[in-house]
Amino acid sequence: MSEETKVQGPDQIREMAGAFQRSRVLLSAFDLGVFTAIGDSELSADQVAGRVGADNRAADRLLNALTVLGLLEKRAGLFRNTEAAARCLVKGSPDYMAGLGHTSNMYHGWSGLTEALRAGSSENSVRRRHDEDDGLDAFIAAMHHRARGAADRLAAMIGLSGVGRVLDVGGGSGIFSMAFCLAEPGLRAVILDLPKVAGLARAYVAEAGLSERVEVRAGDFHSADFGSGFDLVLLSAIVHMNSADENRALLAKAYAALNPGGRVAIEDFVMDEDRVSPGRGAIFALNMLVHTEHGDTYTESEIRSWLQEAGFLEVSRTATGPGTSLMTGRRPG
């Protein structure tokens, strides 16, 4: 067994099977902006319905369900946010969980899991979706929010002393490039991502006041030229989107883009050889099945073999979080 809880009997199975209902209640309330509409007020169901554009009766039933879930409190027919909801689900709060918008988008993809299991993959390429979909803003916001604390930790873990130029492959909002620049005053970074993502990244970088040190290039990392002269190539949450052959090709390009002695850093789910642990990675493999054409989670031995085939030496692995690891390699000097 993995580290996940062992199922004891029918009650747990029934609870597991119905868990989607509670999830959908929360995500639909988030999509409608219910918690933000309530804010620090006490409102009737009709008032909330008017603010979010919902049917009065349906809104009342939703608000009652949210009360059962512990996200709202109901007194004398009026609803108010709980402390946790006010802190995490009201837009503008420092702890606002913007990434739930992406979770809501993923919900629809997961409904196609049975078909994807029969076919062996999904027809919905994540890269194509990100370039065309209205869900792009939510996805980038989710990745940005999730990585804020992790970016500082990763910068310290990699060690940036002496690093002058970084290539951030598929860098999204640029959160890692910005953290690296703040950690190492002389460092400059280049973010490479799809055109619509690049536009969002420029806005994030400008808001942080780092436009002079972080360059954003538009392009598909599978076909774009990486350039040369980098001391570090970062692939954070990238290899899981690709097939094994695509990852081999990316690491060969990373090797060519590095200066002698330069390093590549891969941060992602890294599976044990049984592919059951870590549990989050095993479930995330199915997320890749329903949302990408070829994505998967990979074992340490698979990633290590790609790095060595590309020519990297001193390959190492360090745990970074629940189920995730940092794997690095150095181009010979």
C-alpha atoms as a PDB file:
ATOM      1  CA  MET A   1       0.000   0.000   0.000  1.00  0.00           C
ATOM      2  CA  SER A   2       1.007   3.619  -0.555  1.00  0.00           C
ATOM      3  CA  GLU A   3       0.901   6.303   2.099  1.00  0.00           C
ATOM      4  CA  GLU A   4      -2.797   6.846   1.312  1.00  0.00           C
ATOM      5  CA  THR A   5      -5.371   5.674   3.913  1.00  0.00           C
ATOM      6  CA  LYS A   6      -6.405   2.035   3.575  1.00  0.00           C
ATOM      7  CA  VAL A   7     -10.095   1.647   2.744  1.00  0.00           C
ATOM      8  CA  GLN A   8     -11.895  -0.335   5.442  1.00  0.00           C
ATOM      9  CA  GLY A   9     -15.362  -0.948   4.028  1.00  0.00           C
ATOM     10  CA  PRO A  10     -18.506   0.265   2.247  1.00  0.00           C
ATOM     11  CA  ASP A  11     -18.924   3.494   4.212  1.00  0.00           C
ATOM     12  CA  GLN A  12     -15.542   4.791   3.102  1.00  0.00           C
ATOM     13  CA  ILE A  13     -16.137   3.623  -0.459  1.00  0.00           C
ATOM     14  CA  ARG A  14     -19.488   5.417  -0.526  1.00  0.00           C
ATOM     15  CA  GLU A  15     -17.938   8.596   0.860  1.00  0.00           C
ATOM     16  CA  MET A  16     -15.158   8.425  -1.709  1.00  0.00           C
ATOM     17  CA  ALA A  17     -17.614   7.890  -4.571  1.00  0.00           C
ATOM     18  CA  GLY A  18     -19.706  10.901  -3.533  1.00  0.00           C
ATOM     19  CA  ALA A  19     -16.859  13.278  -2.777  1.00  0.00           C
ATOM     20  CA  PHE A  20     -17.383  15.007  -6.132  1.00  0.00           C
ATOM     21  CA  GLN A  21     -20.640  16.494  -4.832  1.00  0.00           C
ATOM     22  CA  ARG A  22     -18.982  18.523  -2.078  1.00  0.00           C
ATOM     23  CA  SER A  23     -16.207  19.514  -4.435  1.00  0.00           C
ATOM     24  CA  ARG A  24     -18.681  20.782  -7.016  1.00  0.00           C
ATOM     25  CA  VAL A  25     -20.630  22.781  -4.411  1.00  0.00           C
ATOM     26  CA  LEU A  26     -17.455  24.645  -3.425  1.00  0.00           C
ATOM     27  CA  LEU A  27     -16.217  25.125  -6.988  1.00  0.00           C
ATOM     28  CA  SER A  28     -19.573  26.374  -8.303  1.00  0.00           C
ATOM     29  CA  ALA A  29     -19.794  28.844  -5.424  1.00  0.00           C
ATOM     30  CA  PHE A  30     -16.274  29.989  -6.258  1.00  0.00           C
ATOM     31  CA  ASP A  31     -17.107  30.285  -9.982  1.00  0.00           C
ATOM     32  CA  LEU A  32     -20.137  32.441  -9.167  1.00  0.00           C
ATOM     33  CA  GLY A  33     -18.155  34.623  -6.754  1.00  0.00           C
ATOM     34  CA  VAL A  34     -20.475  33.852  -3.825  1.00  0.00           C
ATOM     35  CA  PHE A  35     -17.889  34.400  -1.088  1.00  0.00           C
ATOM     36  CA  THR A  36     -16.679  37.672  -2.586  1.00  0.00           C
ATOM     37  CA  ALA A  37     -20.279  38.846  -3.014  1.00  0.00           C
ATOM     38  CA  ILE A  38     -20.945  38.257   0.678  1.00  0.00           C
ATOM     39  CA  GLY A  39     -17.645  39.775   1.803  1.00  0.00           C
ATOM     40  CA  ASP A  40     -17.967  40.965   5.401  1.00  0.00           C
ATOM     41  CA  SER A  41     -21.751  41.362   5.164  1.00  0.00           C
ATOM     42  CA  GLU A  42     -24.706  39.259   6.280  1.00  0.00           C
ATOM     43  CA  LEU A  43     -27.004  38.723   3.301  1.00  0.00           C
ATOM     44  CA  SER A  44     -30.193  36.881   2.458  1.00  0.00           C
ATOM     45  CA  ALA A  45     -30.196  34.240  -0.266  1.00  0.00           C
ATOM     46  CA  ASP A  46     -32.113  36.608  -2.553  1.00  0.00           C
ATOM     47  CA  GLN A  47     -29.501  39.325  -2.047  1.00  0.00           C
ATOM     48  CA  VAL A  48     -26.669  36.929  -2.856  1.00  0.00           C
ATOM     49  CA  ALA A  49     -28.562  35.665  -5.903  1.00  0.00           C
ATOM     50  CA  GLY A  50     -28.920  39.207  -7.163  1.00  0.00           C
ATOM     51  CA  ARG A  51     -25.224  39.924  -6.736  1.00  0.00           C
ATOM     52  CA  VAL A  52     -23.988  36.778  -8.508  1.00  0.00           C
ATOM     53  CA  GLY A  53     -26.692  36.410 -11.153  1.00  0.00           C
ATOM     54  CA  ALA A  54     -28.269  33.198  -9.866  1.00  0.00           C
ATOM     55  CA  ASP A  55     -31.829  31.966  -9.449  1.00  0.00           C
ATOM     56  CA  ASN A  56     -33.212  32.850  -5.992  1.00  0.00           C
ATOM     57  CA  ARG A  57     -34.326  29.347  -4.999  1.00  0.00           C
ATOM     58  CA  ALA A  58     -31.182  27.714  -6.370  1.00  0.00           C
ATOM     59  CA  ALA A  59     -28.981  30.217  -4.554  1.00  0.00           C
ATOM     60  CA  ASP A  60     -30.768  29.467  -1.277  1.00  0.00           C
ATOM     61  CA  ARG A  61     -30.091  25.746  -1.684  1.00  0.00           C
ATOM     62  CA  LEU A  62     -26.444  26.400  -2.543  1.00  0.00           C
ATOM     63  CA  LEU A  63     -25.940  28.660   0.477  1.00  0.00           C
ATOM     64  CA  ASN A  64     -27.519  26.070   2.774  1.00  0.00           C
ATOM     65  CA  ALA A  65     -25.147  23.423   1.404  1.00  0.00           C
ATOM     66  CA  LEU A  66     -22.179  25.736   1.923  1.00  0.00           C
ATOM     67  CA  THR A  67     -23.315  26.155   5.515  1.00  0.00           C
ATOM     68  CA  VAL A  68     -23.291  22.380   5.962  1.00  0.00           C
ATOM     69  CA  LEU A  69     -19.749  22.309   4.531  1.00  0.00           C
ATOM     70  CA  GLY A  70     -18.617  24.860   7.131  1.00  0.00           C
ATOM     71  CA  LEU A  71     -17.888  27.662   4.651  1.00  0.00           C
ATOM     72  CA  LEU A  72     -20.866  29.865   5.597  1.00  0.00           C
ATOM     73  CA  GLU A  73     -22.794  30.575   8.780  1.00  0.00           C
ATOM     74  CA  LYS A  74     -26.580  31.070   8.789  1.00  0.00           C
ATOM     75  CA  ARG A  75     -28.392  33.170  11.374  1.00  0.00           C
ATOM     76  CA  ALA A  76     -31.991  34.345  11.208  1.00  0.00           C
ATOM     77  CA  GLY A  77     -32.101  33.610   7.482  1.00  0.00           C
ATOM     78  CA  LEU A  78     -28.932  35.570   6.702  1.00  0.00           C
ATOM     79  CA  PHE A  79     -25.635  34.129   5.490  1.00  0.00           C
ATOM     80  CA  ARG A  80     -22.111  35.241   6.305  1.00  0.00           C
ATOM     81  CA  ASN A  81     -18.638  33.900   5.509  1.00  0.00           C
ATOM     82  CA  THR A  82     -16.813  31.823   8.075  1.00  0.00           C
ATOM     83  CA  GLU A  83     -13.354  32.989   9.075  1.00  0.00           C
ATOM     84  CA  ALA A  84     -11.707  30.492   6.725  1.00  0.00           C
ATOM     85  CA  ALA A  85     -13.915  31.474   3.785  1.00  0.00           C
ATOM     86  CA  ALA A  86     -13.293  35.186   4.390  1.00  0.00           C
ATOM     87  CA  ARG A  87      -9.539  34.597   4.478  1.00  0.00           C
ATOM     88  CA  CYS A  88      -9.216  32.189   1.557  1.00  0.00           C
ATOM     89  CA  LEU A  89     -12.195  32.663  -0.770  1.00  0.00           C
ATOM     90  CA  VAL A  90     -12.858  36.422  -0.889  1.00  0.00           C
ATOM     91  CA  LYS A  91     -11.088  38.119  -3.771  1.00  0.00           C
ATOM     92  CA  GLY A  92      -8.619  40.710  -2.548  1.00  0.00           C
ATOM     93  CA  SER A  93      -7.653  38.806   0.593  1.00  0.00           C
ATOM     94  CA  PRO A  94      -3.877  38.171   0.879  1.00  0.00           C
ATOM     95  CA  ASP A  95      -4.602  34.432   1.172  1.00  0.00           C
ATOM     96  CA  TYR A  96      -7.157  34.342  -1.663  1.00  0.00           C
ATOM     97  CA  MET A  97      -7.050  30.927  -3.359  1.00  0.00           C
ATOM     98  CA  ALA A  98      -7.209  32.099  -6.964  1.00  0.00           C
ATOM     99  CA  GLY A  99      -6.061  28.676  -8.108  1.00  0.00           C
ATOM    100  CA  LEU A 100      -9.510  27.196  -7.431  1.00  0.00           C
ATOM    101  CA  GLY A 101     -10.551  28.633 -10.789  1.00  0.00           C
ATOM    102  CA  HIS A 102      -8.116  26.217 -12.421  1.00  0.00           C
ATOM    103  CA  THR A 103      -9.376  23.385 -10.212  1.00  0.00           C
ATOM    104  CA  SER A 104     -12.878  24.090 -11.478  1.00  0.00           C
ATOM    105  CA  ASN A 105     -11.640  23.903 -15.069  1.00  0.00           C
ATOM    106  CA  MET A 106      -9.894  20.591 -14.337  1.00  0.00           C
ATOM    107  CA  TYR A 107     -13.146  19.179 -12.948  1.00  0.00           C
ATOM    108  CA  HIS A 108     -14.616  19.042 -16.439  1.00  0.00           C
ATOM    109  CA  GLY A 109     -11.607  17.200 -17.839  1.00  0.00           C
ATOM    110  CA  TRP A 110     -11.813  14.571 -15.118  1.00  0.00           C
ATOM    111  CA  SER A 111     -15.367  13.752 -16.171  1.00  0.00           C
ATOM    112  CA  GLY A 112     -13.792  12.207 -19.282  1.00  0.00           C
ATOM    113  CA  LEU A 113     -11.494   9.839 -17.368  1.00  0.00           C
ATOM    114  CA  THR A 114     -13.361   6.676 -18.379  1.00  0.00           C
ATOM    115  CA  GLU A 115     -13.071   7.538 -22.071  1.00  0.00           C
ATOM    116  CA  ALA A 116      -9.405   8.509 -21.686  1.00  0.00           C
ATOM    117  CA  LEU A 117      -8.674   5.176 -19.983  1.00  0.00           C
ATOM    118  CA  ARG A 118     -10.217   3.324 -22.908  1.00  0.00           C
ATOM    119  CA  ALA A 119      -8.356   5.412 -25.501  1.00  0.00           C
ATOM    120  CA  GLY A 120      -5.051   5.645 -23.625  1.00  0.00           C
ATOM    121  CA  SER A 121      -4.859   9.438 -23.848  1.00  0.00           C
ATOM    122  CA  SER A 122      -6.920  12.592 -24.099  1.00  0.00           C
ATOM    123  CA  GLU A 123      -7.551  14.493 -27.283  1.00  0.00           C
ATOM    124  CA  ASN A 124      -7.206  17.745 -25.331  1.00  0.00           C
ATOM    125  CA  SER A 125      -3.581  18.819 -25.537  1.00  0.00           C
ATOM    126  CA  VAL A 126      -2.790  20.977 -22.500  1.00  0.00           C
ATOM    127  CA  ARG A 127      -0.473  23.143 -24.582  1.00  0.00           C
ATOM    128  CA  ARG A 128      -3.152  23.741 -27.220  1.00  0.00           C
ATOM    129  CA  ARG A 129      -5.751  24.491 -24.560  1.00  0.00           C
ATOM    130  CA  HIS A 130      -3.515  26.967 -22.810  1.00  0.00           C
ATOM    131  CA  ASP A 131      -3.027  28.863 -26.063  1.00  0.00           C
ATOM    132  CA  GLU A 132      -6.707  29.009 -26.979  1.00  0.00           C
ATOM    133  CA  ASP A 133      -8.795  28.593 -23.858  1.00  0.00           C
ATOM    134  CA  ASP A 134     -10.544  31.066 -21.616  1.00  0.00           C
ATOM    135  CA  GLY A 135      -9.152  29.011 -18.715  1.00  0.00           C
ATOM    136  CA  LEU A 136      -5.624  30.273 -19.325  1.00  0.00           C
ATOM    137  CA  ASP A 137      -5.798  33.159 -16.845  1.00  0.00           C
ATOM    138  CA  ALA A 138      -7.092  30.835 -14.131  1.00  0.00           C
ATOM    139  CA  PHE A 139      -4.392  28.262 -14.844  1.00  0.00           C
ATOM    140  CA  ILE A 140      -1.543  30.795 -14.686  1.00  0.00           C
ATOM    141  CA  ALA A 141      -3.021  32.398 -11.564  1.00  0.00           C
ATOM    142  CA  ALA A 142      -3.214  28.952  -9.957  1.00  0.00           C
ATOM    143  CA  MET A 143       0.402  28.156 -10.762  1.00  0.00           C
ATOM    144  CA  HIS A 144       1.518  31.593  -9.570  1.00  0.00           C
ATOM    145  CA  HIS A 145      -0.343  31.308  -6.277  1.00  0.00           C
ATOM    146  CA  ARG A 146       0.838  27.745  -5.651  1.00  0.00           C
ATOM    147  CA  ALA A 147       4.495  28.540  -6.337  1.00  0.00           C
ATOM    148  CA  ARG A 148       4.913  31.758  -4.343  1.00  0.00           C
ATOM    149  CA  GLY A 149       6.502  30.175  -1.282  1.00  0.00           C
ATOM    150  CA  ALA A 150       8.046  27.290  -3.199  1.00  0.00           C
ATOM    151  CA  ALA A 151       9.964  29.618  -5.515  1.00  0.00           C
ATOM    152  CA  ASP A 152      12.024  31.109  -2.697  1.00  0.00           C
ATOM    153  CA  ARG A 153      12.744  27.664  -1.277  1.00  0.00           C
ATOM    154  CA  LEU A 154      13.754  26.317  -4.673  1.00  0.00           C
ATOM    155  CA  ALA A 155      16.139  29.227  -5.239  1.00  0.00           C
ATOM    156  CA  ALA A 156      17.892  28.418  -1.964  1.00  0.00           C
ATOM    157  CA  MET A 157      17.898  24.697  -2.684  1.00  0.00           C
ATOM    158  CA  ILE A 158      19.446  25.063  -6.151  1.00  0.00           C
ATOM    159  CA  GLY A 159      22.050  27.571  -4.993  1.00  0.00           C
ATOM    160  CA  LEU A 160      22.416  30.553  -7.317  1.00  0.00           C
ATOM    161  CA  SER A 161      25.854  31.851  -6.376  1.00  0.00           C
ATOM    162  CA  GLY A 162      27.738  32.531  -9.598  1.00  0.00           C
ATOM    163  CA  VAL A 163      24.644  32.081 -11.787  1.00  0.00           C
ATOM    164  CA  GLY A 164      24.392  34.970 -14.239  1.00  0.00           C
ATOM    165  CA  ARG A 165      21.717  33.854 -16.714  1.00  0.00           C
ATOM    166  CA  VAL A 166      18.737  31.515 -16.254  1.00  0.00           C
ATOM    167  CA  LEU A 167      16.429  30.054 -18.894  1.00  0.00           C
ATOM    168  CA  ASP A 168      13.004  29.326 -17.378  1.00  0.00           C
ATOM    169  CA  VAL A 169      11.399  26.845 -19.793  1.00  0.00           C
ATOM    170  CA  GLY A 170       7.603  27.057 -19.746  1.00  0.00           C
ATOM    171  CA  GLY A 171       7.953  29.620 -16.984  1.00  0.00           C
ATOM    172  CA  GLY A 172       4.279  30.620 -16.774  1.00  0.00           C
ATOM    173  CA  SER A 173       3.810  33.748 -14.673  1.00  0.00           C
ATOM    174  CA  GLY A 174       7.566  34.038 -14.125  1.00  0.00           C
ATOM    175  CA  ILE A 175       7.295  33.427 -10.388  1.00  0.00           C
ATOM    176  CA  PHE A 176      10.495  31.342 -10.308  1.00  0.00           C
ATOM    177  CA  SER A 177      12.492  33.733 -12.480  1.00  0.00           C
ATOM    178  CA  MET A 178      11.454  36.641 -10.281  1.00  0.00           C
ATOM    179  CA  ALA A 179      12.333  34.776  -7.079  1.00  0.00           C
ATOM    180  CA  PHE A 180      15.725  33.856  -8.523  1.00  0.00           C
ATOM    181  CA  CYS A 181      16.439  37.499  -9.438  1.00  0.00           C
ATOM    182  CA  LEU A 182      15.528  38.643  -5.932  1.00  0.00           C
ATOM    183  CA  ALA A 183      17.735  35.940  -4.411  1.00  0.00           C
ATOM    184  CA  GLU A 184      20.794  36.756  -6.559  1.00  0.00           C
ATOM    185  CA  PRO A 185      21.226  40.474  -7.361  1.00  0.00           C
ATOM    186  CA  GLY A 186      23.318  40.008 -10.517  1.00  0.00           C
ATOM    187  CA  LEU A 187      21.115  37.336 -12.060  1.00  0.00           C
ATOM    188  CA  ARG A 188      19.045  37.844 -15.217  1.00  0.00           C
ATOM    189  CA  ALA A 189      16.395  35.448 -16.482  1.00  0.00           C
ATOM    190  CA  VAL A 190      14.656  34.565 -19.723  1.00  0.00           C
ATOM    191  CA  ILE A 191      11.147  33.075 -19.627  1.00  0.00           C
ATOM    192  CA  LEU A 192      10.086  30.998 -22.637  1.00  0.00           C
ATOM    193  CA  ASP A 193       6.372  30.195 -22.967  1.00  0.00           C
ATOM    194  CA  LEU A 194       3.478  30.239 -25.412  1.00  0.00           C
ATOM    195  CA  PRO A 195       2.435  33.638 -26.819  1.00  0.00           C
ATOM    196  CA  LYS A 196      -0.666  34.143 -24.668  1.00  0.00           C
ATOM    197  CA  VAL A 197       1.166  32.948 -21.563  1.00  0.00           C
ATOM    198  CA  ALA A 198       4.058  35.275 -22.388  1.00  0.00           C
ATOM    199  CA  GLY A 199       1.658  38.223 -22.393  1.00  0.00           C
ATOM    200  CA  LEU A 200       0.455  37.336 -18.909  1.00  0.00           C
ATOM    201  CA  ALA A 201       4.034  36.792 -17.714  1.00  0.00           C
ATOM    202  CA  ARG A 202       5.062  40.269 -18.847  1.00  0.00           C
ATOM    203  CA  ALA A 203       2.271  41.727 -16.718  1.00  0.00           C
ATOM    204  CA  TYR A 204       3.338  39.750 -13.636  1.00  0.00           C
ATOM    205  CA  VAL A 205       6.987  40.732 -14.151  1.00  0.00           C
ATOM    206  CA  ALA A 206       6.119  44.403 -14.664  1.00  0.00           C
ATOM    207  CA  GLU A 207       3.986  44.412 -11.517  1.00  0.00           C
ATOM    208  CA  ALA A 208       7.016  43.120  -9.604  1.00  0.00           C
ATOM    209  CA  GLY A 209       9.238  45.860 -11.067  1.00  0.00           C
ATOM    210  CA  LEU A 210      11.613  43.344 -12.666  1.00  0.00           C
ATOM    211  CA  SER A 211      11.122  43.970 -16.382  1.00  0.00           C
ATOM    212  CA  GLU A 212      14.734  45.101 -16.819  1.00  0.00           C
ATOM    213  CA  ARG A 213      16.057  41.817 -15.453  1.00  0.00           C
ATOM    214  CA  VAL A 214      13.483  39.298 -16.690  1.00  0.00           C
ATOM    215  CA  GLU A 215      13.010  38.914 -20.437  1.00  0.00           C
ATOM    216  CA  VAL A 216       9.915  37.117 -21.733  1.00  0.00           C
ATOM    217  CA  ARG A 217      10.132  35.276 -25.035  1.00  0.00           C
ATOM    218  CA  ALA A 218       7.090  33.865 -26.840  1.00  0.00           C
ATOM    219  CA  GLY A 219       7.417  30.381 -28.288  1.00  0.00           C
ATOM    220  CA  ASP A 220       6.601  26.684 -27.953  1.00  0.00           C
ATOM    221  CA  PHE A 221       9.424  25.127 -25.971  1.00  0.00           C
ATOM    222  CA  HIS A 222       9.304  22.017 -28.162  1.00  0.00           C
ATOM    223  CA  SER A 223      10.137  23.918 -31.345  1.00  0.00           C
ATOM    224  CA  ALA A 224      11.709  27.209 -30.190  1.00  0.00           C
ATOM    225  CA  ASP A 225      15.462  27.755 -30.176  1.00  0.00           C
ATOM    226  CA  PHE A 226      16.694  27.916 -26.583  1.00  0.00           C
ATOM    227  CA  GLY A 227      19.692  30.056 -27.482  1.00  0.00           C
ATOM    228  CA  SER A 228      22.936  29.718 -25.554  1.00  0.00           C
ATOM    229  CA  GLY A 229      25.026  31.223 -22.788  1.00  0.00           C
ATOM    230  CA  PHE A 230      22.934  30.133 -19.797  1.00  0.00           C
ATOM    231  CA  ASP A 231      24.273  29.030 -16.425  1.00  0.00           C
ATOM    232  CA  LEU A 232      21.017  27.350 -15.376  1.00  0.00           C
ATOM    233  CA  VAL A 233      18.051  25.903 -17.271  1.00  0.00           C
ATOM    234  CA  LEU A 234      14.940  25.413 -15.132  1.00  0.00           C
ATOM    235  CA  LEU A 235      12.095  23.033 -15.972  1.00  0.00           C
ATOM    236  CA  SER A 236       9.566  23.378 -13.154  1.00  0.00           C
ATOM    237  CA  ALA A 237       6.360  21.350 -13.567  1.00  0.00           C
ATOM    238  CA  ILE A 238       7.205  20.714 -17.225  1.00  0.00           C
ATOM    239  CA  VAL A 239       8.260  17.096 -17.696  1.00  0.00           C
ATOM    240  CA  HIS A 240       4.872  15.757 -16.551  1.00  0.00           C
ATOM    241  CA  MET A 241       3.205  17.432 -19.569  1.00  0.00           C
ATOM    242  CA  ASN A 242       5.312  15.515 -22.085  1.00  0.00           C
ATOM    243  CA  SER A 243       6.083  12.062 -23.384  1.00  0.00           C
ATOM    244  CA  ALA A 244       9.411  10.444 -22.528  1.00  0.00           C
ATOM    245  CA  ASP A 245      10.759  11.225 -26.015  1.00  0.00           C
ATOM    246  CA  GLU A 246       9.695  14.860 -25.758  1.00  0.00           C
ATOM    247  CA  ASN A 247      11.530  15.128 -22.445  1.00  0.00           C
ATOM    248  CA  ARG A 248      14.663  13.602 -23.948  1.00  0.00           C
ATOM    249  CA  ALA A 249      14.543  16.232 -26.688  1.00  0.00           C
ATOM    250  CA  LEU A 250      14.031  19.061 -24.178  1.00  0.00           C
ATOM    251  CA  LEU A 251      17.013  17.986 -22.090  1.00  0.00           C
ATOM    252  CA  ALA A 252      19.218  17.747 -25.171  1.00  0.00           C
ATOM    253  CA  LYS A 253      18.249  21.340 -25.998  1.00  0.00           C
ATOM    254  CA  ALA A 254      18.884  22.380 -22.408  1.00  0.00           C
ATOM    255  CA  TYR A 255      22.351  20.841 -22.536  1.00  0.00           C
ATOM    256  CA  ALA A 256      23.168  22.746 -25.730  1.00  0.00           C
ATOM    257  CA  ALA A 257      21.929  26.035 -24.227  1.00  0.00           C
ATOM    258  CA  LEU A 258      24.172  25.806 -21.153  1.00  0.00           C
ATOM    259  CA  ASN A 259      27.643  27.157 -20.669  1.00  0.00           C
ATOM    260  CA  PRO A 260      30.280  24.541 -19.726  1.00  0.00           C
ATOM    261  CA  GLY A 261      29.710  23.771 -16.048  1.00  0.00           C
ATOM    262  CA  GLY A 262      26.108  24.981 -16.252  1.00  0.00           C
ATOM    263  CA  ARG A 263      23.259  23.088 -14.629  1.00  0.00           C
ATOM    264  CA  VAL A 264      19.774  21.902 -15.443  1.00  0.00           C
ATOM    265  CA  ALA A 265      17.152  21.776 -12.679  1.00  0.00           C
ATOM    266  CA  ILE A 266      13.973  19.691 -12.965  1.00  0.00           C
ATOM    267  CA  GLU A 267      11.296  20.174 -10.293  1.00  0.00           C
ATOM    268  CA  ASP A 268       8.311  17.855 -10.566  1.00  0.00           C
ATOM    269  CA  PHE A 269       6.579  14.779  -9.205  1.00  0.00           C
ATOM    270  CA  VAL A 270       9.168  11.991  -9.057  1.00  0.00           C
ATOM    271  CA  MET A 271       7.721   8.528  -8.628  1.00  0.00           C
ATOM    272  CA  ASP A 272       9.148   5.531  -6.836  1.00  0.00           C
ATOM    273  CA  GLU A 273       9.761   2.568  -9.107  1.00  0.00           C
ATOM    274  CA  ASP A 274       6.434   0.948  -8.139  1.00  0.00           C
ATOM    275  CA  ARG A 275       4.577   4.087  -9.386  1.00  0.00           C
ATOM    276  CA  VAL A 276       2.302   3.927  -6.332  1.00  0.00           C
ATOM    277  CA  SER A 277       4.284   6.317  -4.148  1.00  0.00           C
ATOM    278  CA  PRO A 278       4.089   9.209  -3.734  1.00  0.00           C
ATOM    279  CA  GLY A 279       0.295   8.967  -3.751  1.00  0.00           C
ATOM    280  CA  ARG A 280      -0.210  12.481  -5.101  1.00  0.00           C
ATOM    281  CA  GLY A 281       1.934  11.658  -8.090  1.00  0.00           C
ATOM    282  CA  ALA A 282      -0.013   8.470  -8.817  1.00  0.00           C
ATOM    283  CA  ILE A 283      -3.286  10.432  -8.920  1.00  0.00           C
ATOM    284  CA  PHE A 284      -1.670  13.268 -10.874  1.00  0.00           C
ATOM    285  CA  ALA A 285      -0.707  10.771 -13.582  1.00  0.00           C
ATOM    286  CA  LEU A 286      -4.438  10.407 -14.254  1.00  0.00           C
ATOM    287  CA  ASN A 287      -4.802  14.195 -14.321  1.00  0.00           C
ATOM    288  CA  MET A 288      -2.268  14.177 -17.146  1.00  0.00           C
ATOM    289  CA  LEU A 289      -4.166  11.367 -18.870  1.00  0.00           C
ATOM    290  CA  VAL A 290      -7.370  13.419 -19.073  1.00  0.00           C
ATOM    291  CA  HIS A 291      -5.735  16.766 -19.868  1.00  0.00           C
ATOM    292  CA  THR A 292      -2.801  16.002 -22.182  1.00  0.00           C
ATOM    293  CA  GLU A 293      -1.969  13.852 -25.179  1.00  0.00           C
ATOM    294  CA  HIS A 294       1.188  12.265 -23.776  1.00  0.00           C
ATOM    295  CA  GLY A 295       1.751  13.562 -20.234  1.00  0.00           C
ATOM    296  CA  ASP A 296       2.552  11.340 -17.258  1.00  0.00           C
ATOM    297  CA  THR A 297       4.459  11.231 -13.991  1.00  0.00           C
ATOM    298  CA  TYR A 298       7.898   9.648 -14.192  1.00  0.00           C
ATOM    299  CA  THR A 299      10.227   7.682 -11.947  1.00  0.00           C
ATOM    300  CA  GLU A 300      13.634   8.811 -10.723  1.00  0.00           C
ATOM    301  CA  SER A 301      15.323   6.192 -12.899  1.00  0.00           C
ATOM    302  CA  GLU A 302      13.523   7.469 -16.012  1.00  0.00           C
ATOM    303  CA  ILE A 303      14.461  11.109 -15.384  1.00  0.00           C
ATOM    304  CA  ARG A 304      18.006  10.147 -14.439  1.00  0.00           C
ATOM    305  CA  SER A 305      18.390   8.192 -17.682  1.00  0.00           C
ATOM    306  CA  TRP A 306      17.238  11.188 -19.757  1.00  0.00           C
ATOM    307  CA  LEU A 307      19.750  13.451 -18.037  1.00  0.00           C
ATOM    308  CA  GLN A 308      22.586  11.008 -18.547  1.00  0.00           C
ATOM    309  CA  GLU A 309      21.664  10.411 -22.207  1.00  0.00           C
ATOM    310  CA  ALA A 310      21.837  14.182 -22.770  1.00  0.00           C
ATOM    311  CA  GLY A 311      25.364  14.225 -21.309  1.00  0.00           C
ATOM    312  CA  PHE A 312      24.735  15.567 -17.813  1.00  0.00           C
ATOM    313  CA  LEU A 313      26.920  14.461 -14.927  1.00  0.00           C
ATOM    314  CA  GLU A 314      26.530  14.703 -11.126  1.00  0.00           C
ATOM    315  CA  VAL A 315      22.817  13.845 -11.315  1.00  0.00           C
ATOM    316  CA  SER A 316      21.148  14.201  -7.916  1.00  0.00           C
ATOM    317  CA  ARG A 317      17.676  14.213  -6.359  1.00  0.00           C
ATOM    318  CA  THR A 318      16.383  16.208  -3.372  1.00  0.00           C
ATOM    319  CA  ALA A 319      12.828  16.213  -2.005  1.00  0.00           C
ATOM    320  CA  THR A 320      11.072  19.580  -2.325  1.00  0.00           C
ATOM    321  CA  GLY A 321       7.538  18.906  -1.079  1.00  0.00           C
ATOM    322  CA  PRO A 322       4.793  16.289  -0.792  1.00  0.00           C
ATOM    323  CA  GLY A 323       5.649  14.002  -3.707  1.00  0.00           C
ATOM    324  CA  THR A 324       7.847  16.479  -5.567  1.00  0.00           C
ATOM    325  CA  SER A 325      11.599  16.499  -5.981  1.00  0.00           C
ATOM    326  CA  LEU A 326      14.391  18.533  -7.508  1.00  0.00           C
ATOM    327  CA  MET A 327      16.660  16.645  -9.891  1.00  0.00           C
ATOM    328  CA  THR A 328      19.763  18.390 -11.182  1.00  0.00           C
ATOM    329  CA  GLY A 329      22.605  17.635 -13.532  1.00  0.00           C
ATOM    330  CA  ARG A 330      25.722  19.500 -14.634  1.00  0.00           C
ATOM    331  CA  ARG A 331      27.151  19.959 -18.109  1.00  0.00           C
ATOM    332  CA  PRO A 332      30.826  19.026 -17.988  1.00  0.00           C
ATOM    333  CA  GLY A 333      33.118  22.046 -17.684  1.00  0.00           C
END
